[in-house]
Amino acid sequence: MFVRKTVLGNSFFTLTDGWAAIGPVLLWPIWGVALGAATLAYYYRRRGRCRHCGLGRTITGGN
């Protein structure tokens, strides 16, 4: 629906005009930011000790 309105020249949409189809599209930016934050948190959690300053988690061989 969004593509159809854009092609026809309607530059903006109203939520009353097919809100069930347009509603999830409005959540994509929020989902993208949340995914980026989760990726960054995972990276910081999994990285090892810093080679230069020695800060960070020590990875041991045991459980």
Foldseek 3Di string as FASTA:
>chain_A
DCVVCVVVPNPDDDCVPPVVVCVVVVCVVVVVVVVVVVVVVVVLVPDAADPPPRDDHHDDPDD
